[in-house]
Amino acid sequence: MRRIKPFICCVFLLAIMQGFSQAREYYQLKIYSFDTEAQQKTTDAYLKDAFLPA
């Protein structure tokens, strides 16, 4: 019985640690500024059709 308790404690601690070590997600936020309306329309078309997957 004495050998089982440390084993159970180790398994319990590993299970807790697994919950805390989940993969993190990172996001990048960008702010675009434009000088002309044409630049804005070109960028909008690119982000809508090519950059973002459907």
Protein backbone atom coordinates (compact mmCIF):
# COMPACT_ATOMS: atom_id res chain seq x y z
CA MET A 1 0.00 0.00 0.00
CA ARG A 2 2.86 2.38 0.73
CA ARG A 3 4.22 2.01 -2.82
CA ILE A 4 0.83 2.67 -4.39
CA LYS A 5 0.32 6.09 -2.75
CA PRO A 6 3.42 7.75 -4.28
CA PHE A 7 2.51 6.26 -7.65
CA ILE A 8 -1.02 7.64 -7.45
CA CYS A 9 0.34 11.03 -6.38
CA CYS A 10 2.72 11.09 -9.36
CA VAL A 11 -0.06 10.18 -11.78
CA PHE A 12 -2.30 12.85 -10.27
CA LEU A 13 0.42 15.51 -10.53
CA LEU A 14 1.17 14.59 -14.14
CA ALA A 15 -2.51 14.87 -14.99
CA ILE A 16 -2.67 18.34 -13.43
CA MET A 17 0.50 19.47 -15.19
CA GLN A 18 -0.87 18.25 -18.53
CA GLY A 19 -3.87 20.53 -18.10
CA PHE A 20 -1.66 23.58 -17.53
CA SER A 21 0.69 22.91 -20.43
CA GLN A 22 -1.84 23.15 -23.24
CA ALA A 23 -0.74 24.86 -26.43
CA ARG A 24 -1.19 28.61 -26.50
CA GLU A 25 -2.59 30.53 -29.42
CA TYR A 26 -1.09 33.80 -30.54
CA TYR A 27 -2.82 36.39 -32.67
CA GLN A 28 -1.29 39.27 -34.59
CA LEU A 29 -3.32 42.44 -35.01
CA LYS A 30 -2.40 44.83 -37.82
CA ILE A 31 -3.67 48.29 -38.54
CA TYR A 32 -3.51 49.47 -42.12
CA SER A 33 -3.71 53.11 -43.17
CA PHE A 34 -4.24 54.30 -46.73
CA ASP A 35 -3.59 57.50 -48.62
CA THR A 36 -6.11 56.91 -51.39
CA GLU A 37 -9.39 55.13 -51.93
CA ALA A 38 -7.74 52.95 -54.59
CA GLN A 39 -5.24 51.59 -52.05
CA GLN A 40 -8.05 50.72 -49.70
CA LYS A 41 -10.07 48.94 -52.41
CA THR A 42 -7.02 46.98 -53.58
CA THR A 43 -6.21 45.87 -50.04
CA ASP A 44 -9.84 44.96 -49.33
CA ALA A 45 -9.95 42.81 -52.46
CA TYR A 46 -6.69 41.08 -51.52
CA LEU A 47 -7.79 40.35 -47.95
CA LYS A 48 -11.19 39.13 -49.10
CA ASP A 49 -10.09 36.91 -52.00
CA ALA A 50 -6.49 35.84 -51.44
CA PHE A 51 -5.31 36.36 -47.87
CA LEU A 52 -8.19 34.83 -45.90
CA PRO A 53 -8.96 31.21 -46.76
CA ALA A 54 -12.55 30.33 -47.53
